[in-house]
Amino acid sequence: MFAVVRTGGKQYRVAAGDKIAVEKLAGEAGETITLADVLLAGDGGEVKDAKGVVVSAEIIAQAKSEKVVVFKKRRRHNYRRKNGHRQQMTLLRIVAVGAGEAPAKKAAKKAAPKAEAAAE
């Protein structure tokens, strides 16, 4: 079974056993997290309903990606600036892709009616 998940503003196609590098997520190496924002799920060539599908992943490491060099220059003005950047990222190993409602979504749905009742 595979799923397409969204995290860090990007989308990833994942299956059990895959390793992916995503934007930095909170957590230490060895912890298990759930990726609840599933856009699409499928099995083989079939597309299934993504509602209720949760992706479990284990954090392998917190790391930095490759360095990006930013170089600015304006001709004939003796202007040169060199800067670098290394983006923080999290390495994940996908443990399971399967059915099951995300606990964060349940809590958010229950909290919303209470807030409306308090406002009235």
PDB file of N, CA and C in Angstrom:
ATOM      1  N   MET A   1       0.845  -1.177   0.000  1.00  0.00           N
ATOM      2  CA  MET A   1       0.000   0.000   0.000  1.00  0.00           C
ATOM      3  C   MET A   1       0.890   1.240   0.000  1.00  0.00           C
ATOM      4  N   PHE A   2       0.465   2.259  -0.751  1.00  0.00           N
ATOM      5  CA  PHE A   2       1.224   3.505  -0.787  1.00  0.00           C
ATOM      6  C   PHE A   2       0.310   4.661  -0.429  1.00  0.00           C
ATOM      7  N   ALA A   3       0.927   5.797  -0.117  1.00  0.00           N
ATOM      8  CA  ALA A   3       0.168   7.005   0.207  1.00  0.00           C
ATOM      9  C   ALA A   3       0.952   8.213  -0.254  1.00  0.00           C
ATOM     10  N   VAL A   4       0.251   9.295  -0.531  1.00  0.00           N
ATOM     11  CA  VAL A   4       0.875  10.579  -0.833  1.00  0.00           C
ATOM     12  C   VAL A   4       0.585  11.475   0.359  1.00  0.00           C
ATOM     13  N   VAL A   5       1.658  11.914   1.041  1.00  0.00           N
ATOM     14  CA  VAL A   5       1.510  12.745   2.236  1.00  0.00           C
ATOM     15  C   VAL A   5       2.086  14.127   1.983  1.00  0.00           C
ATOM     16  N   ARG A   6       1.555  15.110   2.731  1.00  0.00           N
ATOM     17  CA  ARG A   6       2.055  16.475   2.622  1.00  0.00           C
ATOM     18  C   ARG A   6       2.681  16.855   3.956  1.00  0.00           C
ATOM     19  N   THR A   7       3.929  17.307   3.910  1.00  0.00           N
ATOM     20  CA  THR A   7       4.613  17.808   5.091  1.00  0.00           C
ATOM     21  C   THR A   7       5.653  18.829   4.652  1.00  0.00           C
ATOM     22  N   GLY A   8       5.731  19.910   5.359  1.00  0.00           N
ATOM     23  CA  GLY A   8       6.702  20.952   5.037  1.00  0.00           C
ATOM     24  C   GLY A   8       6.441  21.628   3.705  1.00  0.00           C
ATOM     25  N   GLY A   9       5.182  21.651   3.256  1.00  0.00           N
ATOM     26  CA  GLY A   9       4.851  22.300   1.996  1.00  0.00           C
ATOM     27  C   GLY A   9       5.186  21.488   0.763  1.00  0.00           C
ATOM     28  N   LYS A  10       5.588  20.241   0.951  1.00  0.00           N
ATOM     29  CA  LYS A  10       5.919  19.372  -0.180  1.00  0.00           C
ATOM     30  C   LYS A  10       5.110  18.083  -0.071  1.00  0.00           C
ATOM     31  N   GLN A  11       5.008  17.369  -1.173  1.00  0.00           N
ATOM     32  CA  GLN A  11       4.270  16.114  -1.190  1.00  0.00           C
ATOM     33  C   GLN A  11       5.227  14.964  -1.490  1.00  0.00           C
ATOM     34  N   TYR A  12       5.016  13.846  -0.806  1.00  0.00           N
ATOM     35  CA  TYR A  12       5.879  12.682  -0.962  1.00  0.00           C
ATOM     36  C   TYR A  12       5.021  11.436  -1.152  1.00  0.00           C
ATOM     37  N   ARG A  13       5.443  10.568  -2.101  1.00  0.00           N
ATOM     38  CA  ARG A  13       4.788   9.268  -2.273  1.00  0.00           C
ATOM     39  C   ARG A  13       5.584   8.277  -1.440  1.00  0.00           C
ATOM     40  N   VAL A  14       4.915   7.639  -0.479  1.00  0.00           N
ATOM     41  CA  VAL A  14       5.612   6.763   0.455  1.00  0.00           C
ATOM     42  C   VAL A  14       4.934   5.402   0.526  1.00  0.00           C
ATOM     43  N   ALA A  15       5.722   4.419   0.889  1.00  0.00           N
ATOM     44  CA  ALA A  15       5.241   3.072   1.174  1.00  0.00           C
ATOM     45  C   ALA A  15       6.042   2.559   2.367  1.00  0.00           C
ATOM     46  N   ALA A  16       5.600   1.482   2.967  1.00  0.00           N
ATOM     47  CA  ALA A  16       6.291   0.924   4.126  1.00  0.00           C
ATOM     48  C   ALA A  16       7.725   0.561   3.758  1.00  0.00           C
ATOM     49  N   GLY A  17       8.680   0.983   4.587  1.00  0.00           N
ATOM     50  CA  GLY A  17      10.090   0.688   4.355  1.00  0.00           C
ATOM     51  C   GLY A  17      10.851   1.786   3.635  1.00  0.00           C
ATOM     52  N   ASP A  18      10.171   2.793   3.095  1.00  0.00           N
ATOM     53  CA  ASP A  18      10.851   3.886   2.387  1.00  0.00           C
ATOM     54  C   ASP A  18      11.577   4.798   3.364  1.00  0.00           C
ATOM     55  N   LYS A  19      12.633   5.436   2.876  1.00  0.00           N
ATOM     56  CA  LYS A  19      13.346   6.459   3.641  1.00  0.00           C
ATOM     57  C   LYS A  19      13.230   7.767   2.878  1.00  0.00           C
ATOM     58  N   ILE A  20      12.819   8.846   3.584  1.00  0.00           N
ATOM     59  CA  ILE A  20      12.670  10.149   2.946  1.00  0.00           C
ATOM     60  C   ILE A  20      13.289  11.225   3.825  1.00  0.00           C
ATOM     61  N   ALA A  21      13.672  12.328   3.192  1.00  0.00           N
ATOM     62  CA  ALA A  21      14.190  13.501   3.892  1.00  0.00           C
ATOM     63  C   ALA A  21      13.167  14.609   3.732  1.00  0.00           C
ATOM     64  N   VAL A  22      12.659  15.134   4.853  1.00  0.00           N
ATOM     65  CA  VAL A  22      11.620  16.165   4.841  1.00  0.00           C
ATOM     66  C   VAL A  22      12.107  17.395   5.609  1.00  0.00           C
ATOM     67  N   GLU A  23      11.347  18.492   5.501  1.00  0.00           N
ATOM     68  CA  GLU A  23      11.641  19.678   6.299  1.00  0.00           C
ATOM     69  C   GLU A  23      11.634  19.286   7.762  1.00  0.00           C
ATOM     70  N   LYS A  24      12.370  20.030   8.587  1.00  0.00           N
ATOM     71  CA  LYS A  24      12.560  19.672   9.991  1.00  0.00           C
ATOM     72  C   LYS A  24      11.236  19.500  10.729  1.00  0.00           C
ATOM     73  N   LEU A  25      11.129  18.358  11.437  1.00  0.00           N
ATOM     74  CA  LEU A  25       9.986  18.048  12.282  1.00  0.00           C
ATOM     75  C   LEU A  25      10.469  17.923  13.720  1.00  0.00           C
ATOM     76  N   ALA A  26       9.614  18.223  14.665  1.00  0.00           N
ATOM     77  CA  ALA A  26       9.975  18.122  16.078  1.00  0.00           C
ATOM     78  C   ALA A  26      10.118  16.657  16.469  1.00  0.00           C
ATOM     79  N   GLY A  27      11.130  16.360  17.271  1.00  0.00           N
ATOM     80  CA  GLY A  27      11.327  14.994  17.750  1.00  0.00           C
ATOM     81  C   GLY A  27      12.789  14.604  17.729  1.00  0.00           C
ATOM     82  N   GLU A  28      13.094  13.577  18.498  1.00  0.00           N
ATOM     83  CA  GLU A  28      14.456  13.058  18.587  1.00  0.00           C
ATOM     84  C   GLU A  28      14.583  11.778  17.769  1.00  0.00           C
ATOM     85  N   ALA A  29      15.806  11.383  17.503  1.00  0.00           N
ATOM     86  CA  ALA A  29      16.062  10.155  16.760  1.00  0.00           C
ATOM     87  C   ALA A  29      15.505   8.962  17.531  1.00  0.00           C
ATOM     88  N   GLY A  30      14.816   8.073  16.836  1.00  0.00           N
ATOM     89  CA  GLY A  30      14.233   6.895  17.461  1.00  0.00           C
ATOM     90  C   GLY A  30      12.758   7.047  17.786  1.00  0.00           C
ATOM     91  N   GLU A  31      12.234   8.271  17.816  1.00  0.00           N
ATOM     92  CA  GLU A  31      10.822   8.481  18.111  1.00  0.00           C
ATOM     93  C   GLU A  31       9.971   8.115  16.901  1.00  0.00           C
ATOM     94  N   THR A  32       8.715   7.765  17.157  1.00  0.00           N
ATOM     95  CA  THR A  32       7.763   7.456  16.096  1.00  0.00           C
ATOM     96  C   THR A  32       6.754   8.590  16.007  1.00  0.00           C
ATOM     97  N   ILE A  33       6.513   9.062  14.791  1.00  0.00           N
ATOM     98  CA  ILE A  33       5.547  10.127  14.573  1.00  0.00           C
ATOM     99  C   ILE A  33       4.515   9.653  13.550  1.00  0.00           C
ATOM    100  N   THR A  34       3.389  10.358  13.483  1.00  0.00           N
ATOM    101  CA  THR A  34       2.373  10.031  12.488  1.00  0.00           C
ATOM    102  C   THR A  34       2.221  11.205  11.542  1.00  0.00           C
ATOM    103  N   LEU A  35       2.139  10.907  10.267  1.00  0.00           N
ATOM    104  CA  LEU A  35       1.894  11.906   9.234  1.00  0.00           C
ATOM    105  C   LEU A  35       0.422  11.765   8.851  1.00  0.00           C
ATOM    106  N   ALA A  36      -0.409  12.652   9.383  1.00  0.00           N
ATOM    107  CA  ALA A  36      -1.860  12.508   9.231  1.00  0.00           C
ATOM    108  C   ALA A  36      -2.399  13.199   7.989  1.00  0.00           C
ATOM    109  N   ASP A  37      -1.623  14.086   7.371  1.00  0.00           N
ATOM    110  CA  ASP A  37      -2.108  14.823   6.204  1.00  0.00           C
ATOM    111  C   ASP A  37      -1.896  13.977   4.950  1.00  0.00           C
ATOM    112  N   VAL A  38      -2.763  12.979   4.760  1.00  0.00           N
ATOM    113  CA  VAL A  38      -2.669  12.057   3.626  1.00  0.00           C
ATOM    114  C   VAL A  38      -3.584  12.565   2.518  1.00  0.00           C
ATOM    115  N   LEU A  39      -3.016  12.786   1.340  1.00  0.00           N
ATOM    116  CA  LEU A  39      -3.770  13.318   0.213  1.00  0.00           C
ATOM    117  C   LEU A  39      -4.369  12.228  -0.660  1.00  0.00           C
ATOM    118  N   LEU A  40      -3.658  11.106  -0.771  1.00  0.00           N
ATOM    119  CA  LEU A  40      -4.074  10.037  -1.665  1.00  0.00           C
ATOM    120  C   LEU A  40      -3.540   8.722  -1.118  1.00  0.00           C
ATOM    121  N   ALA A  41      -4.300   7.662  -1.285  1.00  0.00           N
ATOM    122  CA  ALA A  41      -3.843   6.333  -0.873  1.00  0.00           C
ATOM    123  C   ALA A  41      -4.196   5.347  -1.975  1.00  0.00           C
ATOM    124  N   GLY A  42      -3.436   4.269  -2.030  1.00  0.00           N
ATOM    125  CA  GLY A  42      -3.704   3.277  -3.054  1.00  0.00           C
ATOM    126  C   GLY A  42      -3.028   1.969  -2.746  1.00  0.00           C
ATOM    127  N   ASP A  43      -3.441   0.961  -3.490  1.00  0.00           N
ATOM    128  CA  ASP A  43      -2.863  -0.363  -3.342  1.00  0.00           C
ATOM    129  C   ASP A  43      -2.663  -0.919  -4.747  1.00  0.00           C
ATOM    130  N   GLY A  44      -1.412  -1.043  -5.149  1.00  0.00           N
ATOM    131  CA  GLY A  44      -1.125  -1.488  -6.510  1.00  0.00           C
ATOM    132  C   GLY A  44      -1.547  -0.420  -7.503  1.00  0.00           C
ATOM    133  N   GLY A  45      -2.449  -0.756  -8.416  1.00  0.00           N
ATOM    134  CA  GLY A  45      -2.930   0.201  -9.405  1.00  0.00           C
ATOM    135  C   GLY A  45      -4.222   0.888  -8.994  1.00  0.00           C
ATOM    136  N   GLU A  46      -4.815   0.474  -7.865  1.00  0.00           N
ATOM    137  CA  GLU A  46      -6.080   1.041  -7.418  1.00  0.00           C
ATOM    138  C   GLU A  46      -5.864   2.244  -6.518  1.00  0.00           C
ATOM    139  N   VAL A  47      -6.733   3.236  -6.671  1.00  0.00           N
ATOM    140  CA  VAL A  47      -6.714   4.393  -5.782  1.00  0.00           C
ATOM    141  C   VAL A  47      -7.817   4.202  -4.762  1.00  0.00           C
ATOM    142  N   LYS A  48      -7.471   4.348  -3.471  1.00  0.00           N
ATOM    143  CA  LYS A  48      -8.431   4.149  -2.397  1.00  0.00           C
ATOM    144  C   LYS A  48      -8.748   5.476  -1.722  1.00  0.00           C
ATOM    145  N   ASP A  49      -9.751   5.457  -0.878  1.00  0.00           N
ATOM    146  CA  ASP A  49     -10.135   6.649  -0.134  1.00  0.00           C
ATOM    147  C   ASP A  49      -9.045   6.962   0.891  1.00  0.00           C
ATOM    148  N   ALA A  50      -8.560   8.200   0.911  1.00  0.00           N
ATOM    149  CA  ALA A  50      -7.481   8.588   1.811  1.00  0.00           C
ATOM    150  C   ALA A  50      -7.995   8.965   3.189  1.00  0.00           C
ATOM    151  N   LYS A  51      -9.320   9.047   3.343  1.00  0.00           N
ATOM    152  CA  LYS A  51      -9.891   9.411   4.636  1.00  0.00           C
ATOM    153  C   LYS A  51      -9.624   8.296   5.635  1.00  0.00           C
ATOM    154  N   GLY A  52      -9.047   8.627   6.767  1.00  0.00           N
ATOM    155  CA  GLY A  52      -8.773   7.630   7.790  1.00  0.00           C
ATOM    156  C   GLY A  52      -7.452   6.900   7.620  1.00  0.00           C
ATOM    157  N   VAL A  53      -6.675   7.223   6.607  1.00  0.00           N
ATOM    158  CA  VAL A  53      -5.375   6.581   6.404  1.00  0.00           C
ATOM    159  C   VAL A  53      -4.311   7.388   7.144  1.00  0.00           C
ATOM    160  N   VAL A  54      -3.488   6.697   7.917  1.00  0.00           N
ATOM    161  CA  VAL A  54      -2.427   7.339   8.693  1.00  0.00           C
ATOM    162  C   VAL A  54      -1.101   6.686   8.328  1.00  0.00           C
ATOM    163  N   VAL A  55      -0.075   7.512   8.198  1.00  0.00           N
ATOM    164  CA  VAL A  55       1.269   7.018   7.884  1.00  0.00           C
ATOM    165  C   VAL A  55       2.124   7.153   9.140  1.00  0.00           C
ATOM    166  N   SER A  56       2.703   6.052   9.602  1.00  0.00           N
ATOM    167  CA  SER A  56       3.591   6.059  10.756  1.00  0.00           C
ATOM    168  C   SER A  56       5.036   6.060  10.279  1.00  0.00           C
ATOM    169  N   ALA A  57       5.857   6.913  10.907  1.00  0.00           N
ATOM    170  CA  ALA A  57       7.262   7.012  10.510  1.00  0.00           C
ATOM    171  C   ALA A  57       8.144   7.107  11.743  1.00  0.00           C
ATOM    172  N   GLU A  58       9.349   6.590  11.608  1.00  0.00           N
ATOM    173  CA  GLU A  58      10.338   6.656  12.678  1.00  0.00           C
ATOM    174  C   GLU A  58      11.410   7.668  12.279  1.00  0.00           C
ATOM    175  N   ILE A  59      11.791   8.527  13.213  1.00  0.00           N
ATOM    176  CA  ILE A  59      12.823   9.521  12.941  1.00  0.00           C
ATOM    177  C   ILE A  59      14.177   8.829  13.006  1.00  0.00           C
ATOM    178  N   ILE A  60      14.912   8.884  11.904  1.00  0.00           N
ATOM    179  CA  ILE A  60      16.255   8.299  11.872  1.00  0.00           C
ATOM    180  C   ILE A  60      17.255   9.294  12.440  1.00  0.00           C
ATOM    181  N   ALA A  61      17.195  10.545  11.953  1.00  0.00           N
ATOM    182  CA  ALA A  61      18.146  11.557  12.407  1.00  0.00           C
ATOM    183  C   ALA A  61      17.647  12.952  12.067  1.00  0.00           C
ATOM    184  N   GLN A  62      18.156  13.925  12.805  1.00  0.00           N
ATOM    185  CA  GLN A  62      17.968  15.338  12.473  1.00  0.00           C
ATOM    186  C   GLN A  62      19.283  15.779  11.839  1.00  0.00           C
ATOM    187  N   ALA A  63      19.227  16.363  10.651  1.00  0.00           N
ATOM    188  CA  ALA A  63      20.455  16.686   9.931  1.00  0.00           C
ATOM    189  C   ALA A  63      20.299  17.998   9.175  1.00  0.00           C
ATOM    190  N   LYS A  64      21.354  18.362   8.453  1.00  0.00           N
ATOM    191  CA  LYS A  64      21.327  19.525   7.574  1.00  0.00           C
ATOM    192  C   LYS A  64      21.515  19.039   6.144  1.00  0.00           C
ATOM    193  N   SER A  65      20.851  19.714   5.206  1.00  0.00           N
ATOM    194  CA  SER A  65      20.970  19.319   3.808  1.00  0.00           C
ATOM    195  C   SER A  65      22.232  19.929   3.207  1.00  0.00           C
ATOM    196  N   GLU A  66      22.410  19.761   1.915  1.00  0.00           N
ATOM    197  CA  GLU A  66      23.580  20.287   1.221  1.00  0.00           C
ATOM    198  C   GLU A  66      23.624  21.804   1.290  1.00  0.00           C
ATOM    199  N   LYS A  67      24.824  22.359   1.246  1.00  0.00           N
ATOM    200  CA  LYS A  67      24.982  23.806   1.299  1.00  0.00           C
ATOM    201  C   LYS A  67      24.596  24.444  -0.032  1.00  0.00           C
ATOM    202  N   VAL A  68      23.882  25.554   0.072  1.00  0.00           N
ATOM    203  CA  VAL A  68      23.517  26.352  -1.089  1.00  0.00           C
ATOM    204  C   VAL A  68      24.313  27.649  -0.991  1.00  0.00           C
ATOM    205  N   VAL A  69      25.076  27.969  -2.028  1.00  0.00           N
ATOM    206  CA  VAL A  69      25.889  29.184  -2.035  1.00  0.00           C
ATOM    207  C   VAL A  69      25.110  30.285  -2.744  1.00  0.00           C
ATOM    208  N   VAL A  70      24.988  31.427  -2.070  1.00  0.00           N
ATOM    209  CA  VAL A  70      24.305  32.592  -2.635  1.00  0.00           C
ATOM    210  C   VAL A  70      25.382  33.624  -2.954  1.00  0.00           C
ATOM    211  N   PHE A  71      25.543  33.931  -4.232  1.00  0.00           N
ATOM    212  CA  PHE A  71      26.564  34.887  -4.649  1.00  0.00           C
ATOM    213  C   PHE A  71      25.902  36.006  -5.422  1.00  0.00           C
ATOM    214  N   LYS A  72      26.120  37.234  -4.952  1.00  0.00           N
ATOM    215  CA  LYS A  72      25.545  38.405  -5.616  1.00  0.00           C
ATOM    216  C   LYS A  72      26.678  39.266  -6.150  1.00  0.00           C
ATOM    217  N   LYS A  73      26.483  39.800  -7.351  1.00  0.00           N
ATOM    218  CA  LYS A  73      27.498  40.665  -7.937  1.00  0.00           C
ATOM    219  C   LYS A  73      26.811  41.693  -8.828  1.00  0.00           C
ATOM    220  N   ARG A  74      27.290  42.935  -8.719  1.00  0.00           N
ATOM    221  CA  ARG A  74      26.826  43.982  -9.625  1.00  0.00           C
ATOM    222  C   ARG A  74      28.034  44.439 -10.427  1.00  0.00           C
ATOM    223  N   ARG A  75      27.914  44.375 -11.726  1.00  0.00           N
ATOM    224  CA  ARG A  75      29.038  44.717 -12.584  1.00  0.00           C
ATOM    225  C   ARG A  75      29.442  46.177 -12.424  1.00  0.00           C
ATOM    226  N   ARG A  76      30.738  46.378 -12.479  1.00  0.00           N
ATOM    227  CA  ARG A  76      31.330  47.713 -12.496  1.00  0.00           C
ATOM    228  C   ARG A  76      31.012  48.567 -11.273  1.00  0.00           C
ATOM    229  N   HIS A  77      30.642  47.935 -10.166  1.00  0.00           N
ATOM    230  CA  HIS A  77      30.373  48.708  -8.952  1.00  0.00           C
ATOM    231  C   HIS A  77      31.167  48.177  -7.761  1.00  0.00           C
ATOM    232  N   ASN A  78      32.076  47.253  -7.998  1.00  0.00           N
ATOM    233  CA  ASN A  78      32.883  46.650  -6.939  1.00  0.00           C
ATOM    234  C   ASN A  78      32.003  46.106  -5.818  1.00  0.00           C
ATOM    235  N   TYR A  79      30.937  45.402  -6.187  1.00  0.00           N
ATOM    236  CA  TYR A  79      29.980  44.856  -5.226  1.00  0.00           C
ATOM    237  C   TYR A  79      29.921  43.351  -5.383  1.00  0.00           C
ATOM    238  N   ARG A  80      30.363  42.634  -4.342  1.00  0.00           N
ATOM    239  CA  ARG A  80      30.300  41.178  -4.326  1.00  0.00           C
ATOM    240  C   ARG A  80      29.913  40.732  -2.925  1.00  0.00           C
ATOM    241  N   ARG A  81      28.943  39.816  -2.834  1.00  0.00           N
ATOM    242  CA  ARG A  81      28.532  39.253  -1.552  1.00  0.00           C
ATOM    243  C   ARG A  81      28.407  37.745  -1.713  1.00  0.00           C
ATOM    244  N   LYS A  82      29.020  37.033  -0.792  1.00  0.00           N
ATOM    245  CA  LYS A  82      28.942  35.575  -0.810  1.00  0.00           C
ATOM    246  C   LYS A  82      28.334  35.124   0.514  1.00  0.00           C
ATOM    247  N   ASN A  83      27.310  34.303   0.416  1.00  0.00           N
ATOM    248  CA  ASN A  83      26.623  33.819   1.601  1.00  0.00           C
ATOM    249  C   ASN A  83      26.273  32.352   1.384  1.00  0.00           C
ATOM    250  N   GLY A  84      26.065  31.625   2.449  1.00  0.00           N
ATOM    251  CA  GLY A  84      25.714  30.219   2.337  1.00  0.00           C
ATOM    252  C   GLY A  84      24.542  29.882   3.244  1.00  0.00           C
ATOM    253  N   HIS A  85      23.887  28.765   2.943  1.00  0.00           N
ATOM    254  CA  HIS A  85      22.744  28.338   3.740  1.00  0.00           C
ATOM    255  C   HIS A  85      22.650  26.819   3.718  1.00  0.00           C
ATOM    256  N   ARG A  86      22.364  26.234   4.891  1.00  0.00           N
ATOM    257  CA  ARG A  86      22.109  24.797   4.982  1.00  0.00           C
ATOM    258  C   ARG A  86      20.771  24.602   5.672  1.00  0.00           C
ATOM    259  N   GLN A  87      19.819  24.040   4.960  1.00  0.00           N
ATOM    260  CA  GLN A  87      18.466  23.854   5.483  1.00  0.00           C
ATOM    261  C   GLN A  87      18.427  22.686   6.457  1.00  0.00           C
ATOM    262  N   GLN A  88      17.694  22.850   7.564  1.00  0.00           N
ATOM    263  CA  GLN A  88      17.486  21.770   8.526  1.00  0.00           C
ATOM    264  C   GLN A  88      16.506  20.755   7.930  1.00  0.00           C
ATOM    265  N   MET A  89      16.780  19.464   8.144  1.00  0.00           N
ATOM    266  CA  MET A  89      15.878  18.438   7.631  1.00  0.00           C
ATOM    267  C   MET A  89      15.821  17.263   8.604  1.00  0.00           C
ATOM    268  N   THR A  90      14.808  16.447   8.435  1.00  0.00           N
ATOM    269  CA  THR A  90      14.606  15.261   9.254  1.00  0.00           C
ATOM    270  C   THR A  90      14.581  14.047   8.332  1.00  0.00           C
ATOM    271  N   LEU A  91      15.341  13.030   8.677  1.00  0.00           N
ATOM    272  CA  LEU A  91      15.355  11.779   7.908  1.00  0.00           C
ATOM    273  C   LEU A  91      14.346  10.829   8.543  1.00  0.00           C
ATOM    274  N   LEU A  92      13.403  10.328   7.730  1.00  0.00           N
ATOM    275  CA  LEU A  92      12.341   9.455   8.221  1.00  0.00           C
ATOM    276  C   LEU A  92      12.391   8.092   7.554  1.00  0.00           C
ATOM    277  N   ARG A  93      12.034   7.064   8.316  1.00  0.00           N
ATOM    278  CA  ARG A  93      11.820   5.723   7.769  1.00  0.00           C
ATOM    279  C   ARG A  93      10.333   5.427   7.957  1.00  0.00           C
ATOM    280  N   ILE A  94       9.643   5.145   6.867  1.00  0.00           N
ATOM    281  CA  ILE A  94       8.211   4.882   6.925  1.00  0.00           C
ATOM    282  C   ILE A  94       8.012   3.476   7.491  1.00  0.00           C
ATOM    283  N   VAL A  95       7.311   3.397   8.615  1.00  0.00           N
ATOM    284  CA  VAL A  95       7.097   2.122   9.287  1.00  0.00           C
ATOM    285  C   VAL A  95       5.848   1.428   8.747  1.00  0.00           C
ATOM    286  N   ALA A  96       4.735   2.178   8.649  1.00  0.00           N
ATOM    287  CA  ALA A  96       3.484   1.562   8.213  1.00  0.00           C
ATOM    288  C   ALA A  96       2.597   2.586   7.524  1.00  0.00           C
ATOM    289  N   VAL A  97       1.853   2.101   6.542  1.00  0.00           N
ATOM    290  CA  VAL A  97       0.827   2.898   5.879  1.00  0.00           C
ATOM    291  C   VAL A  97      -0.458   2.108   6.024  1.00  0.00           C
ATOM    292  N   GLY A  98      -1.406   2.650   6.782  1.00  0.00           N
ATOM    293  CA  GLY A  98      -2.618   1.875   6.997  1.00  0.00           C
ATOM    294  C   GLY A  98      -3.772   2.694   7.507  1.00  0.00           C
ATOM    295  N   ALA A  99      -4.883   2.008   7.738  1.00  0.00           N
ATOM    296  CA  ALA A  99      -6.097   2.662   8.199  1.00  0.00           C
ATOM    297  C   ALA A  99      -5.992   2.982   9.681  1.00  0.00           C
ATOM    298  N   GLY A 100      -6.738   3.957  10.081  1.00  0.00           N
ATOM    299  CA  GLY A 100      -6.749   4.400  11.469  1.00  0.00           C
ATOM    300  C   GLY A 100      -6.817   5.898  11.513  1.00  0.00           C
ATOM    301  N   GLU A 101      -7.692   6.441  12.352  1.00  0.00           N
ATOM    302  CA  GLU A 101      -7.875   7.890  12.417  1.00  0.00           C
ATOM    303  C   GLU A 101      -6.747   8.508  13.232  1.00  0.00           C
ATOM    304  N   ALA A 102      -6.300   9.668  12.818  1.00  0.00           N
ATOM    305  CA  ALA A 102      -5.233  10.382  13.509  1.00  0.00           C
ATOM    306  C   ALA A 102      -5.765  10.965  14.816  1.00  0.00           C
ATOM    307  N   PRO A 103      -5.034  10.817  15.938  1.00  0.00           N
ATOM    308  CA  PRO A 103      -5.516  11.348  17.204  1.00  0.00           C
ATOM    309  C   PRO A 103      -5.595  12.877  17.211  1.00  0.00           C
ATOM    310  N   ALA A 104      -4.740  13.554  16.479  1.00  0.00           N
ATOM    311  CA  ALA A 104      -4.755  15.015  16.457  1.00  0.00           C
ATOM    312  C   ALA A 104      -6.032  15.534  15.813  1.00  0.00           C
ATOM    313  N   LYS A 105      -6.510  14.862  14.773  1.00  0.00           N
ATOM    314  CA  LYS A 105      -7.730  15.300  14.105  1.00  0.00           C
ATOM    315  C   LYS A 105      -8.943  15.100  15.005  1.00  0.00           C
ATOM    316  N   LYS A 106      -8.981  14.002  15.766  1.00  0.00           N
ATOM    317  CA  LYS A 106     -10.096  13.763  16.677  1.00  0.00           C
ATOM    318  C   LYS A 106     -10.167  14.876  17.711  1.00  0.00           C
ATOM    319  N   ALA A 107      -9.030  15.236  18.287  1.00  0.00           N
ATOM    320  CA  ALA A 107      -8.992  16.277  19.311  1.00  0.00           C
ATOM    321  C   ALA A 107      -9.421  17.619  18.739  1.00  0.00           C
ATOM    322  N   ALA A 108      -9.022  17.916  17.522  1.00  0.00           N
ATOM    323  CA  ALA A 108      -9.378  19.190  16.911  1.00  0.00           C
ATOM    324  C   ALA A 108     -10.881  19.267  16.651  1.00  0.00           C
ATOM    325  N   LYS A 109     -11.490  18.162  16.238  1.00  0.00           N
ATOM    326  CA  LYS A 109     -12.928  18.164  15.977  1.00  0.00           C
ATOM    327  C   LYS A 109     -13.710  18.317  17.270  1.00  0.00           C
ATOM    328  N   LYS A 110     -13.254  17.697  18.351  1.00  0.00           N
ATOM    329  CA  LYS A 110     -13.955  17.794  19.626  1.00  0.00           C
ATOM    330  C   LYS A 110     -13.780  19.175  20.248  1.00  0.00           C
ATOM    331  N   ALA A 111     -12.634  19.803  20.045  1.00  0.00           N
ATOM    332  CA  ALA A 111     -12.360  21.099  20.652  1.00  0.00           C
ATOM    333  C   ALA A 111     -13.167  22.215  19.994  1.00  0.00           C
ATOM    334  N   ALA A 112     -13.472  22.100  18.732  1.00  0.00           N
ATOM    335  CA  ALA A 112     -14.183  23.156  18.013  1.00  0.00           C
ATOM    336  C   ALA A 112     -15.586  23.394  18.571  1.00  0.00           C
ATOM    337  N   PRO A 113     -16.446  22.385  18.829  1.00  0.00           N
ATOM    338  CA  PRO A 113     -17.770  22.662  19.366  1.00  0.00           C
ATOM    339  C   PRO A 113     -17.716  23.314  20.754  1.00  0.00           C
ATOM    340  N   LYS A 114     -16.765  22.965  21.582  1.00  0.00           N
ATOM    341  CA  LYS A 114     -16.656  23.571  22.907  1.00  0.00           C
ATOM    342  C   LYS A 114     -16.350  25.053  22.799  1.00  0.00           C
ATOM    343  N   ALA A 115     -15.500  25.418  21.852  1.00  0.00           N
ATOM    344  CA  ALA A 115     -15.164  26.822  21.672  1.00  0.00           C
ATOM    345  C   ALA A 115     -16.386  27.602  21.210  1.00  0.00           C
ATOM    346  N   GLU A 116     -17.212  27.004  20.356  1.00  0.00           N
ATOM    347  CA  GLU A 116     -18.426  27.672  19.874  1.00  0.00           C
ATOM    348  C   GLU A 116     -19.419  27.836  21.005  1.00  0.00           C
ATOM    349  N   ALA A 117     -19.567  26.829  21.885  1.00  0.00           N
ATOM    350  CA  ALA A 117     -20.488  26.908  23.002  1.00  0.00           C
ATOM    351  C   ALA A 117     -20.047  27.969  24.005  1.00  0.00           C
ATOM    352  N   ALA A 118     -18.772  28.107  24.223  1.00  0.00           N
ATOM    353  CA  ALA A 118     -18.250  29.112  25.143  1.00  0.00           C
ATOM    354  C   ALA A 118     -18.462  30.523  24.610  1.00  0.00           C
ATOM    355  N   ALA A 119     -18.413  30.678  23.294  1.00  0.00           N
ATOM    356  CA  ALA A 119     -18.606  31.993  22.687  1.00  0.00           C
ATOM    357  C   ALA A 119     -20.041  32.471  22.832  1.00  0.00           C
ATOM    358  N   GLU A 120     -21.009  31.519  22.818  1.00  0.00           N
ATOM    359  CA  GLU A 120     -22.420  31.895  22.947  1.00  0.00           C
ATOM    360  C   GLU A 120     -22.703  32.271  24.354  1.00  0.00           C
TER     361      GLU A 120
END
